[in-house]
PDB file of N, CA and C in Angstrom:
ATOM      1  N   UNK A   1       0.858  -1.159   0.000  1.00  0.00           N
ATOM      2  CA  UNK A   1       0.000   0.000   0.000  1.00  0.00           C
ATOM      3  C   UNK A   1       0.909   1.228   0.000  1.00  0.00           C
ATOM      4  N   UNK A   2       0.810   2.076  -0.990  1.00  0.00           N
ATOM      5  CA  UNK A   2       1.684   3.246  -1.100  1.00  0.00           C
ATOM      6  C   UNK A   2       0.852   4.513  -1.195  1.00  0.00           C
ATOM      7  N   UNK A   3       1.295   5.518  -0.500  1.00  0.00           N
ATOM      8  CA  UNK A   3       0.697   6.848  -0.609  1.00  0.00           C
ATOM      9  C   UNK A   3       1.790   7.744  -1.129  1.00  0.00           C
ATOM     10  N   UNK A   4       1.588   8.315  -2.251  1.00  0.00           N
ATOM     11  CA  UNK A   4       2.621   9.137  -2.858  1.00  0.00           C
ATOM     12  C   UNK A   4       2.100  10.560  -3.046  1.00  0.00           C
ATOM     13  N   UNK A   5       2.940  11.493  -2.702  1.00  0.00           N
ATOM     14  CA  UNK A   5       2.593  12.879  -2.975  1.00  0.00           C
ATOM     15  C   UNK A   5       2.819  13.101  -4.463  1.00  0.00           C
ATOM     16  N   UNK A   6       1.791  13.430  -5.175  1.00  0.00           N
ATOM     17  CA  UNK A   6       1.901  13.675  -6.607  1.00  0.00           C
ATOM     18  C   UNK A   6       2.421  15.094  -6.780  1.00  0.00           C
ATOM     19  N   UNK A   7       3.709  15.207  -7.087  1.00  0.00           N
ATOM     20  CA  UNK A   7       4.333  16.527  -7.153  1.00  0.00           C
ATOM     21  C   UNK A   7       3.723  17.407  -8.239  1.00  0.00           C
ATOM     22  N   UNK A   8       3.100  16.813  -9.242  1.00  0.00           N
ATOM     23  CA  UNK A   8       2.439  17.616 -10.257  1.00  0.00           C
ATOM     24  C   UNK A   8       1.156  18.227  -9.720  1.00  0.00           C
ATOM     25  N   UNK A   9       0.642  17.677  -8.634  1.00  0.00           N
ATOM     26  CA  UNK A   9      -0.575  18.215  -8.030  1.00  0.00           C
ATOM     27  C   UNK A   9      -0.283  19.092  -6.825  1.00  0.00           C
ATOM     28  N   UNK A  10       0.983  19.175  -6.431  1.00  0.00           N
ATOM     29  CA  UNK A  10       1.346  20.045  -5.324  1.00  0.00           C
ATOM     30  C   UNK A  10       1.308  21.492  -5.816  1.00  0.00           C
ATOM     31  N   UNK A  11       0.688  22.342  -5.049  1.00  0.00           N
ATOM     32  CA  UNK A  11       0.577  23.749  -5.408  1.00  0.00           C
ATOM     33  C   UNK A  11       0.891  24.576  -4.166  1.00  0.00           C
ATOM     34  N   UNK A  12       2.192  24.827  -3.897  1.00  0.00           N
ATOM     35  CA  UNK A  12       2.563  25.545  -2.683  1.00  0.00           C
ATOM     36  C   UNK A  12       1.899  26.906  -2.544  1.00  0.00           C
ATOM     37  N   UNK A  13       1.646  27.585  -3.647  1.00  0.00           N
ATOM     38  CA  UNK A  13       0.991  28.890  -3.591  1.00  0.00           C
ATOM     39  C   UNK A  13      -0.414  28.806  -3.017  1.00  0.00           C
ATOM     40  N   UNK A  14      -1.077  27.692  -3.267  1.00  0.00           N
ATOM     41  CA  UNK A  14      -2.433  27.485  -2.724  1.00  0.00           C
ATOM     42  C   UNK A  14      -2.403  26.626  -1.468  1.00  0.00           C
ATOM     43  N   UNK A  15      -1.195  26.221  -1.040  1.00  0.00           N
ATOM     44  CA  UNK A  15      -1.013  25.371   0.133  1.00  0.00           C
ATOM     45  C   UNK A  15      -1.741  24.040  -0.029  1.00  0.00           C
ATOM     46  N   UNK A  16      -1.534  23.425  -1.189  1.00  0.00           N
ATOM     47  CA  UNK A  16      -2.204  22.165  -1.504  1.00  0.00           C
ATOM     48  C   UNK A  16      -1.168  21.085  -1.775  1.00  0.00           C
ATOM     49  N   UNK A  17      -1.323  19.947  -1.125  1.00  0.00           N
ATOM     50  CA  UNK A  17      -0.533  18.751  -1.388  1.00  0.00           C
ATOM     51  C   UNK A  17      -1.495  17.581  -1.340  1.00  0.00           C
ATOM     52  N   UNK A  18      -1.620  16.862  -2.443  1.00  0.00           N
ATOM     53  CA  UNK A  18      -2.564  15.755  -2.513  1.00  0.00           C
ATOM     54  C   UNK A  18      -1.828  14.432  -2.386  1.00  0.00           C
ATOM     55  N   UNK A  19      -2.351  13.569  -1.534  1.00  0.00           N
ATOM     56  CA  UNK A  19      -1.846  12.208  -1.445  1.00  0.00           C
ATOM     57  C   UNK A  19      -2.765  11.343  -2.297  1.00  0.00           C
ATOM     58  N   UNK A  20      -2.168  10.594  -3.202  1.00  0.00           N
ATOM     59  CA  UNK A  20      -2.950   9.780  -4.112  1.00  0.00           C
ATOM     60  C   UNK A  20      -2.475   8.341  -4.046  1.00  0.00           C
ATOM     61  N   UNK A  21      -3.307   7.433  -4.517  1.00  0.00           N
ATOM     62  CA  UNK A  21      -2.932   6.028  -4.600  1.00  0.00           C
ATOM     63  C   UNK A  21      -3.561   5.213  -3.496  1.00  0.00           C
ATOM     64  N   UNK A  22      -3.344   3.912  -3.530  1.00  0.00           N
ATOM     65  CA  UNK A  22      -3.898   3.037  -2.496  1.00  0.00           C
ATOM     66  C   UNK A  22      -3.391   3.449  -1.123  1.00  0.00           C
ATOM     67  N   UNK A  23      -4.265   3.558  -0.161  1.00  0.00           N
ATOM     68  CA  UNK A  23      -3.898   3.966   1.186  1.00  0.00           C
ATOM     69  C   UNK A  23      -4.095   5.442   1.454  1.00  0.00           C
ATOM     70  N   UNK A  24      -4.365   6.237   0.423  1.00  0.00           N
ATOM     71  CA  UNK A  24      -4.530   7.686   0.614  1.00  0.00           C
ATOM     72  C   UNK A  24      -5.695   8.002   1.542  1.00  0.00           C
ATOM     73  N   UNK A  25      -6.671   7.099   1.619  1.00  0.00           N
ATOM     74  CA  UNK A  25      -7.834   7.342   2.480  1.00  0.00           C
ATOM     75  C   UNK A  25      -7.466   7.355   3.961  1.00  0.00           C
ATOM     76  N   UNK A  26      -6.299   6.824   4.325  1.00  0.00           N
ATOM     77  CA  UNK A  26      -5.859   6.859   5.719  1.00  0.00           C
ATOM     78  C   UNK A  26      -5.604   8.284   6.186  1.00  0.00           C
ATOM     79  N   UNK A  27      -5.205   9.137   5.256  1.00  0.00           N
ATOM     80  CA  UNK A  27      -4.841  10.505   5.596  1.00  0.00           C
ATOM     81  C   UNK A  27      -6.054  11.409   5.391  1.00  0.00           C
ATOM     82  N   UNK A  28      -6.944  11.404   6.376  1.00  0.00           N
ATOM     83  CA  UNK A  28      -8.215  12.121   6.255  1.00  0.00           C
ATOM     84  C   UNK A  28      -8.082  13.612   6.553  1.00  0.00           C
ATOM     85  N   UNK A  29      -7.491  13.930   7.678  1.00  0.00           N
ATOM     86  CA  UNK A  29      -7.477  15.330   8.112  1.00  0.00           C
ATOM     87  C   UNK A  29      -6.134  15.745   8.712  1.00  0.00           C
ATOM     88  N   UNK A  30      -5.036  15.550   7.990  1.00  0.00           N
ATOM     89  CA  UNK A  30      -3.764  16.024   8.558  1.00  0.00           C
ATOM     90  C   UNK A  30      -3.718  17.548   8.530  1.00  0.00           C
ATOM     91  N   UNK A  31      -3.273  18.140   9.634  1.00  0.00           N
ATOM     92  CA  UNK A  31      -3.189  19.595   9.627  1.00  0.00           C
ATOM     93  C   UNK A  31      -1.803  20.099  10.002  1.00  0.00           C
ATOM     94  N   UNK A  32      -0.899  19.220  10.362  1.00  0.00           N
ATOM     95  CA  UNK A  32       0.493  19.581  10.590  1.00  0.00           C
ATOM     96  C   UNK A  32       1.346  18.511   9.923  1.00  0.00           C
ATOM     97  N   UNK A  33       2.294  18.919   9.110  1.00  0.00           N
ATOM     98  CA  UNK A  33       3.137  17.977   8.380  1.00  0.00           C
ATOM     99  C   UNK A  33       4.586  18.417   8.527  1.00  0.00           C
ATOM    100  N   UNK A  34       5.479  17.454   8.796  1.00  0.00           N
ATOM    101  CA  UNK A  34       6.906  17.768   8.802  1.00  0.00           C
ATOM    102  C   UNK A  34       7.654  16.636   8.101  1.00  0.00           C
ATOM    103  N   UNK A  35       8.876  16.918   7.720  1.00  0.00           N
ATOM    104  CA  UNK A  35       9.726  15.934   7.062  1.00  0.00           C
ATOM    105  C   UNK A  35      10.529  15.211   8.139  1.00  0.00           C
ATOM    106  N   UNK A  36      10.574  13.875   8.056  1.00  0.00           N
ATOM    107  CA  UNK A  36      11.330  13.073   9.014  1.00  0.00           C
ATOM    108  C   UNK A  36      12.816  13.102   8.675  1.00  0.00           C
ATOM    109  N   UNK A  37      13.679  12.711   9.604  1.00  0.00           N
ATOM    110  CA  UNK A  37      15.114  12.668   9.312  1.00  0.00           C
ATOM    111  C   UNK A  37      15.461  11.776   8.117  1.00  0.00           C
ATOM    112  N   UNK A  38      14.628  10.749   7.849  1.00  0.00           N
ATOM    113  CA  UNK A  38      14.880   9.846   6.724  1.00  0.00           C
ATOM    114  C   UNK A  38      14.351  10.398   5.409  1.00  0.00           C
ATOM    115  N   UNK A  39      13.557  11.484   5.459  1.00  0.00           N
ATOM    116  CA  UNK A  39      13.022  12.074   4.239  1.00  0.00           C
ATOM    117  C   UNK A  39      11.578  11.729   3.965  1.00  0.00           C
ATOM    118  N   UNK A  40      10.930  10.993   4.856  1.00  0.00           N
ATOM    119  CA  UNK A  40       9.495  10.726   4.737  1.00  0.00           C
ATOM    120  C   UNK A  40       8.701  11.874   5.329  1.00  0.00           C
ATOM    121  N   UNK A  41       7.438  11.638   5.597  1.00  0.00           N
ATOM    122  CA  UNK A  41       6.587  12.659   6.202  1.00  0.00           C
ATOM    123  C   UNK A  41       6.034  12.165   7.532  1.00  0.00           C
ATOM    124  N   UNK A  42       5.841  13.078   8.483  1.00  0.00           N
ATOM    125  CA  UNK A  42       5.135  12.806   9.725  1.00  0.00           C
ATOM    126  C   UNK A  42       3.964  13.777   9.761  1.00  0.00           C
ATOM    127  N   UNK A  43       2.762  13.244   9.980  1.00  0.00           N
ATOM    128  CA  UNK A  43       1.549  14.052   9.936  1.00  0.00           C
ATOM    129  C   UNK A  43       0.803  13.959  11.256  1.00  0.00           C
ATOM    130  N   UNK A  44       0.321  15.086  11.745  1.00  0.00           N
ATOM    131  CA  UNK A  44      -0.566  15.119  12.904  1.00  0.00           C
ATOM    132  C   UNK A  44      -1.982  15.095  12.347  1.00  0.00           C
ATOM    133  N   UNK A  45      -2.712  14.055  12.665  1.00  0.00           N
ATOM    134  CA  UNK A  45      -4.060  13.895  12.103  1.00  0.00           C
ATOM    135  C   UNK A  45      -5.078  13.827  13.231  1.00  0.00           C
ATOM    136  N   UNK A  46      -6.180  14.511  13.037  1.00  0.00           N
ATOM    137  CA  UNK A  46      -7.253  14.482  14.021  1.00  0.00           C
ATOM    138  C   UNK A  46      -8.577  14.234  13.314  1.00  0.00           C
ATOM    139  N   UNK A  47      -9.624  14.221  14.086  1.00  0.00           N
ATOM    140  CA  UNK A  47     -10.955  13.985  13.528  1.00  0.00           C
ATOM    141  C   UNK A  47     -11.521  12.675  14.019  1.00  0.00           C
ATOM    142  N   UNK A  48     -12.830  12.549  13.959  1.00  0.00           N
ATOM    143  CA  UNK A  48     -13.535  11.344  14.389  1.00  0.00           C
ATOM    144  C   UNK A  48     -13.214  10.973  15.833  1.00  0.00           C
ATOM    145  N   UNK A  49     -12.851  11.954  16.671  1.00  0.00           N
ATOM    146  CA  UNK A  49     -12.576  11.689  18.070  1.00  0.00           C
ATOM    147  C   UNK A  49     -11.201  11.122  18.355  1.00  0.00           C
ATOM    148  N   UNK A  50     -10.410  10.822  17.338  1.00  0.00           N
ATOM    149  CA  UNK A  50      -9.079  10.262  17.532  1.00  0.00           C
ATOM    150  C   UNK A  50      -8.025  11.203  16.981  1.00  0.00           C
ATOM    151  N   UNK A  51      -6.836  11.109  17.557  1.00  0.00           N
ATOM    152  CA  UNK A  51      -5.710  11.904  17.102  1.00  0.00           C
ATOM    153  C   UNK A  51      -4.517  10.974  16.944  1.00  0.00           C
ATOM    154  N   UNK A  52      -3.895  11.007  15.770  1.00  0.00           N
ATOM    155  CA  UNK A  52      -2.792  10.114  15.457  1.00  0.00           C
ATOM    156  C   UNK A  52      -1.587  10.878  14.946  1.00  0.00           C
ATOM    157  N   UNK A  53      -0.409  10.297  15.161  1.00  0.00           N
ATOM    158  CA  UNK A  53       0.780  10.658  14.406  1.00  0.00           C
ATOM    159  C   UNK A  53       0.907   9.577  13.356  1.00  0.00           C
ATOM    160  N   UNK A  54       0.907   9.988  12.106  1.00  0.00           N
ATOM    161  CA  UNK A  54       1.008   9.052  10.995  1.00  0.00           C
ATOM    162  C   UNK A  54       2.183   9.462  10.139  1.00  0.00           C
ATOM    163  N   UNK A  55       2.780   8.483   9.486  1.00  0.00           N
ATOM    164  CA  UNK A  55       3.921   8.806   8.664  1.00  0.00           C
ATOM    165  C   UNK A  55       3.893   8.109   7.331  1.00  0.00           C
ATOM    166  N   UNK A  56       4.797   8.544   6.482  1.00  0.00           N
ATOM    167  CA  UNK A  56       5.073   7.835   5.236  1.00  0.00           C
ATOM    168  C   UNK A  56       6.578   7.634   5.168  1.00  0.00           C
ATOM    169  N   UNK A  57       6.975   6.490   4.633  1.00  0.00           N
ATOM    170  CA  UNK A  57       8.391   6.281   4.379  1.00  0.00           C
ATOM    171  C   UNK A  57       8.786   7.155   3.202  1.00  0.00           C
ATOM    172  N   UNK A  58      10.055   7.215   2.921  1.00  0.00           N
ATOM    173  CA  UNK A  58      10.526   7.988   1.775  1.00  0.00           C
ATOM    174  C   UNK A  58       9.955   7.420   0.476  1.00  0.00           C
ATOM    175  N   UNK A  59       9.581   6.134   0.481  1.00  0.00           N
ATOM    176  CA  UNK A  59       8.973   5.506  -0.693  1.00  0.00           C
ATOM    177  C   UNK A  59       7.455   5.671  -0.728  1.00  0.00           C
ATOM    178  N   UNK A  60       6.885   6.354   0.268  1.00  0.00           N
ATOM    179  CA  UNK A  60       5.455   6.614   0.268  1.00  0.00           C
ATOM    180  C   UNK A  60       4.613   5.591   0.988  1.00  0.00           C
ATOM    181  N   UNK A  61       5.234   4.619   1.694  1.00  0.00           N
ATOM    182  CA  UNK A  61       4.462   3.622   2.438  1.00  0.00           C
ATOM    183  C   UNK A  61       3.920   4.254   3.719  1.00  0.00           C
ATOM    184  N   UNK A  62       2.606   4.182   3.955  1.00  0.00           N
ATOM    185  CA  UNK A  62       2.023   4.790   5.150  1.00  0.00           C
ATOM    186  C   UNK A  62       2.214   3.902   6.377  1.00  0.00           C
ATOM    187  N   UNK A  63       2.275   4.527   7.548  1.00  0.00           N
ATOM    188  CA  UNK A  63       2.309   3.783   8.805  1.00  0.00           C
ATOM    189  C   UNK A  63       1.722   4.634   9.918  1.00  0.00           C
ATOM    190  N   UNK A  64       1.119   3.965  10.897  1.00  0.00           N
ATOM    191  CA  UNK A  64       0.651   4.628  12.112  1.00  0.00           C
ATOM    192  C   UNK A  64       1.808   4.644  13.085  1.00  0.00           C
ATOM    193  N   UNK A  65       2.091   5.796  13.673  1.00  0.00           N
ATOM    194  CA  UNK A  65       3.203   5.920  14.597  1.00  0.00           C
ATOM    195  C   UNK A  65       2.725   5.947  16.044  1.00  0.00           C
ATOM    196  N   UNK A  66       1.705   6.758  16.337  1.00  0.00           N
ATOM    197  CA  UNK A  66       1.219   6.886  17.713  1.00  0.00           C
ATOM    198  C   UNK A  66      -0.234   7.344  17.706  1.00  0.00           C
ATOM    199  N   UNK A  67      -0.926   7.002  18.777  1.00  0.00           N
ATOM    200  CA  UNK A  67      -2.311   7.451  18.982  1.00  0.00           C
ATOM    201  C   UNK A  67      -2.352   8.195  20.309  1.00  0.00           C
ATOM    202  N   UNK A  68      -2.963   9.358  20.313  1.00  0.00           N
ATOM    203  CA  UNK A  68      -3.068  10.154  21.523  1.00  0.00           C
ATOM    204  C   UNK A  68      -4.158   9.576  22.424  1.00  0.00           C
ATOM    205  N   UNK A  69      -3.792   9.229  23.647  1.00  0.00           N
ATOM    206  CA  UNK A  69      -4.760   8.690  24.591  1.00  0.00           C
ATOM    207  C   UNK A  69      -4.807   9.524  25.870  1.00  0.00           C
ATOM    208  N   UNK A  70      -4.438  10.807  25.809  1.00  0.00           N
ATOM    209  CA  UNK A  70      -4.580  11.678  26.972  1.00  0.00           C
ATOM    210  C   UNK A  70      -6.056  12.032  27.114  1.00  0.00           C
ATOM    211  N   UNK A  71      -6.714  11.439  28.078  1.00  0.00           N
ATOM    212  CA  UNK A  71      -8.153  11.600  28.240  1.00  0.00           C
ATOM    213  C   UNK A  71      -8.469  12.888  28.992  1.00  0.00           C
ATOM    214  N   UNK A  72      -9.146  13.811  28.306  1.00  0.00           N
ATOM    215  CA  UNK A  72      -9.562  15.073  28.911  1.00  0.00           C
ATOM    216  C   UNK A  72     -10.965  14.979  29.482  1.00  0.00           C
ATOM    217  N   UNK A  73     -11.659  13.894  29.155  1.00  0.00           N
ATOM    218  CA  UNK A  73     -13.025  13.697  29.622  1.00  0.00           C
ATOM    219  C   UNK A  73     -13.039  12.798  30.843  1.00  0.00           C
ATOM    220  N   UNK A  74     -13.953  11.883  30.838  1.00  0.00           N
ATOM    221  CA  UNK A  74     -14.076  10.928  31.928  1.00  0.00           C
ATOM    222  C   UNK A  74     -13.879   9.523  31.379  1.00  0.00           C
ATOM    223  N   UNK A  75     -13.805   8.559  32.270  1.00  0.00           N
ATOM    224  CA  UNK A  75     -13.646   7.177  31.824  1.00  0.00           C
ATOM    225  C   UNK A  75     -14.847   6.724  31.004  1.00  0.00           C
ATOM    226  N   UNK A  76     -16.033   7.158  31.392  1.00  0.00           N
ATOM    227  CA  UNK A  76     -17.241   6.741  30.668  1.00  0.00           C
ATOM    228  C   UNK A  76     -17.505   7.588  29.423  1.00  0.00           C
ATOM    229  N   UNK A  77     -16.966   8.784  29.372  1.00  0.00           N
ATOM    230  CA  UNK A  77     -17.134   9.665  28.203  1.00  0.00           C
ATOM    231  C   UNK A  77     -15.787  10.283  27.859  1.00  0.00           C
ATOM    232  N   UNK A  78     -14.879   9.476  27.261  1.00  0.00           N
ATOM    233  CA  UNK A  78     -13.536   9.989  26.983  1.00  0.00           C
ATOM    234  C   UNK A  78     -13.535  11.089  25.928  1.00  0.00           C
ATOM    235  N   UNK A  79     -12.583  11.976  26.048  1.00  0.00           N
ATOM    236  CA  UNK A  79     -12.368  13.053  25.091  1.00  0.00           C
ATOM    237  C   UNK A  79     -10.852  13.209  24.970  1.00  0.00           C
ATOM    238  N   UNK A  80     -10.343  13.000  23.776  1.00  0.00           N
ATOM    239  CA  UNK A  80      -8.904  12.998  23.586  1.00  0.00           C
ATOM    240  C   UNK A  80      -8.445  14.273  22.899  1.00  0.00           C
ATOM    241  N   UNK A  81      -7.290  14.776  23.336  1.00  0.00           N
ATOM    242  CA  UNK A  81      -6.714  15.982  22.759  1.00  0.00           C
ATOM    243  C   UNK A  81      -6.180  15.728  21.359  1.00  0.00           C
ATOM    244  N   UNK A  82      -5.687  16.783  20.752  1.00  0.00           N
ATOM    245  CA  UNK A  82      -5.262  16.745  19.342  1.00  0.00           C
ATOM    246  C   UNK A  82      -3.764  16.972  19.227  1.00  0.00           C
ATOM    247  N   UNK A  83      -3.072  16.076  18.506  1.00  0.00           N
ATOM    248  CA  UNK A  83      -1.653  16.270  18.224  1.00  0.00           C
ATOM    249  C   UNK A  83      -1.457  17.486  17.322  1.00  0.00           C
ATOM    250  N   UNK A  84      -0.338  18.171  17.517  1.00  0.00           N
ATOM    251  CA  UNK A  84      -0.007  19.324  16.658  1.00  0.00           C
ATOM    252  C   UNK A  84       1.488  19.590  16.752  1.00  0.00           C
ATOM    253  N   UNK A  85       2.015  20.201  15.714  1.00  0.00           N
ATOM    254  CA  UNK A  85       3.366  20.740  15.752  1.00  0.00           C
ATOM    255  C   UNK A  85       4.495  19.737  15.881  1.00  0.00           C
ATOM    256  N   UNK A  86       4.404  18.587  15.253  1.00  0.00           N
ATOM    257  CA  UNK A  86       5.510  17.632  15.302  1.00  0.00           C
ATOM    258  C   UNK A  86       6.736  18.228  14.615  1.00  0.00           C
ATOM    259  N   UNK A  87       7.894  18.032  15.217  1.00  0.00           N
ATOM    260  CA  UNK A  87       9.154  18.482  14.619  1.00  0.00           C
ATOM    261  C   UNK A  87      10.293  17.651  15.199  1.00  0.00           C
ATOM    262  N   UNK A  88      11.396  17.629  14.501  1.00  0.00           N
ATOM    263  CA  UNK A  88      12.559  16.851  14.921  1.00  0.00           C
ATOM    264  C   UNK A  88      13.678  17.778  15.360  1.00  0.00           C
ATOM    265  N   UNK A  89      14.388  17.364  16.410  1.00  0.00           N
ATOM    266  CA  UNK A  89      15.546  18.116  16.894  1.00  0.00           C
ATOM    267  C   UNK A  89      16.698  17.960  15.904  1.00  0.00           C
ATOM    268  N   UNK A  90      17.671  18.840  16.023  1.00  0.00           N
ATOM    269  CA  UNK A  90      18.831  18.790  15.133  1.00  0.00           C
ATOM    270  C   UNK A  90      19.584  17.468  15.228  1.00  0.00           C
ATOM    271  N   UNK A  91      19.497  16.781  16.376  1.00  0.00           N
ATOM    272  CA  UNK A  91      20.204  15.508  16.533  1.00  0.00           C
ATOM    273  C   UNK A  91      19.547  14.365  15.759  1.00  0.00           C
ATOM    274  N   UNK A  92      18.356  14.617  15.202  1.00  0.00           N
ATOM    275  CA  UNK A  92      17.613  13.644  14.397  1.00  0.00           C
ATOM    276  C   UNK A  92      17.190  12.410  15.185  1.00  0.00           C
ATOM    277  N   UNK A  93      17.356  12.437  16.504  1.00  0.00           N
ATOM    278  CA  UNK A  93      17.001  11.303  17.350  1.00  0.00           C
ATOM    279  C   UNK A  93      15.843  11.636  18.277  1.00  0.00           C
ATOM    280  N   UNK A  94      15.383  12.884  18.268  1.00  0.00           N
ATOM    281  CA  UNK A  94      14.299  13.303  19.149  1.00  0.00           C
ATOM    282  C   UNK A  94      13.223  14.005  18.334  1.00  0.00           C
ATOM    283  N   UNK A  95      11.981  13.530  18.490  1.00  0.00           N
ATOM    284  CA  UNK A  95      10.839  14.191  17.864  1.00  0.00           C
ATOM    285  C   UNK A  95      10.014  14.813  18.981  1.00  0.00           C
ATOM    286  N   UNK A  96       9.627  16.054  18.796  1.00  0.00           N
ATOM    287  CA  UNK A  96       8.751  16.737  19.736  1.00  0.00           C
ATOM    288  C   UNK A  96       7.369  16.827  19.110  1.00  0.00           C
ATOM    289  N   UNK A  97       6.349  16.637  19.924  1.00  0.00           N
ATOM    290  CA  UNK A  97       4.976  16.782  19.445  1.00  0.00           C
ATOM    291  C   UNK A  97       4.143  17.381  20.577  1.00  0.00           C
ATOM    292  N   UNK A  98       3.272  18.283  20.232  1.00  0.00           N
ATOM    293  CA  UNK A  98       2.409  18.951  21.197  1.00  0.00           C
ATOM    294  C   UNK A  98       1.018  18.343  21.170  1.00  0.00           C
ATOM    295  N   UNK A  99       0.293  18.580  22.232  1.00  0.00           N
ATOM    296  CA  UNK A  99      -1.116  18.230  22.307  1.00  0.00           C
ATOM    297  C   UNK A  99      -1.848  19.479  22.771  1.00  0.00           C
ATOM    298  N   UNK A 100      -2.774  19.974  21.919  1.00  0.00           N
ATOM    299  CA  UNK A 100      -3.486  21.230  22.214  1.00  0.00           C
ATOM    300  C   UNK A 100      -4.009  21.252  23.639  1.00  0.00           C
ATOM    301  N   UNK A 101      -4.725  20.240  24.001  1.00  0.00           N
ATOM    302  CA  UNK A 101      -5.290  20.161  25.339  1.00  0.00           C
ATOM    303  C   UNK A 101      -4.924  18.786  25.876  1.00  0.00           C
ATOM    304  N   UNK A 102      -4.338  18.713  26.984  1.00  0.00           N
ATOM    305  CA  UNK A 102      -4.230  19.692  28.053  1.00  0.00           C
ATOM    306  C   UNK A 102      -3.023  20.622  27.963  1.00  0.00           C
ATOM    307  N   UNK A 103      -2.410  20.769  26.814  1.00  0.00           N
ATOM    308  CA  UNK A 103      -1.269  21.671  26.662  1.00  0.00           C
ATOM    309  C   UNK A 103       0.038  21.004  27.041  1.00  0.00           C
ATOM    310  N   UNK A 104       0.269  19.817  26.505  1.00  0.00           N
ATOM    311  CA  UNK A 104       1.481  19.074  26.826  1.00  0.00           C
ATOM    312  C   UNK A 104       2.395  18.988  25.612  1.00  0.00           C
ATOM    313  N   UNK A 105       3.678  18.802  25.876  1.00  0.00           N
ATOM    314  CA  UNK A 105       4.662  18.536  24.834  1.00  0.00           C
ATOM    315  C   UNK A 105       5.376  17.247  25.206  1.00  0.00           C
ATOM    316  N   UNK A 106       5.518  16.351  24.235  1.00  0.00           N
ATOM    317  CA  UNK A 106       6.216  15.090  24.460  1.00  0.00           C
ATOM    318  C   UNK A 106       7.482  15.069  23.621  1.00  0.00           C
ATOM    319  N   UNK A 107       8.528  14.478  24.169  1.00  0.00           N
ATOM    320  CA  UNK A 107       9.770  14.238  23.441  1.00  0.00           C
ATOM    321  C   UNK A 107       9.869  12.732  23.232  1.00  0.00           C
ATOM    322  N   UNK A 108       9.896  12.306  21.987  1.00  0.00           N
ATOM    323  CA  UNK A 108       9.961  10.893  21.634  1.00  0.00           C
ATOM    324  C   UNK A 108      11.344  10.649  21.041  1.00  0.00           C
ATOM    325  N   UNK A 109      12.090   9.729  21.641  1.00  0.00           N
ATOM    326  CA  UNK A 109      13.454   9.496  21.176  1.00  0.00           C
ATOM    327  C   UNK A 109      13.538   8.268  20.284  1.00  0.00           C
ATOM    328  N   UNK A 110      14.469   8.297  19.335  1.00  0.00           N
ATOM    329  CA  UNK A 110      14.686   7.227  18.384  1.00  0.00           C
ATOM    330  C   UNK A 110      15.845   6.353  18.814  1.00  0.00           C
ATOM    331  N   UNK A 111      16.535   5.716  17.924  1.00  0.00           N
ATOM    332  CA  UNK A 111      16.663   6.155  16.539  1.00  0.00           C
ATOM    333  C   UNK A 111      15.431   5.840  15.710  1.00  0.00           C
ATOM    334  N   UNK A 112      15.192   6.683  14.750  1.00  0.00           N
ATOM    335  CA  UNK A 112      14.088   6.503  13.826  1.00  0.00           C
ATOM    336  C   UNK A 112      14.618   5.795  12.593  1.00  0.00           C
ATOM    337  N   UNK A 113      13.876   4.793  12.144  1.00  0.00           N
ATOM    338  CA  UNK A 113      14.309   4.032  10.978  1.00  0.00           C
ATOM    339  C   UNK A 113      14.289   4.878   9.720  1.00  0.00           C
ATOM    340  N   UNK A 114      15.203   4.579   8.808  1.00  0.00           N
ATOM    341  CA  UNK A 114      15.236   5.253   7.516  1.00  0.00           C
ATOM    342  C   UNK A 114      14.380   4.533   6.617  1.00  0.00           C
TER     343      UNK A 114
END
């Protein structure tokens, strides 16, 4: 299953990047995107009550990296915060990611596979 950014459909002036191909439906609502140390993409995706960090390899293969389970609600009525602002430190071994609510930042250490 490959998700490839079709560079002919990328339009930076309009802030548009389309993921096409089998597996593209996994990327429903990414709103923060960064490039991984290996050259793939890391996306903060929210919607449908769930928040995920999702990635693509440099070859366009999609993968789920993490799911946010910080419960802002109750055990019987959970409400999960939203990932945002993923970025990598200069050492390429630490990824930082924020969660809007409750306002936390996590440092995730690698090494991250190429």
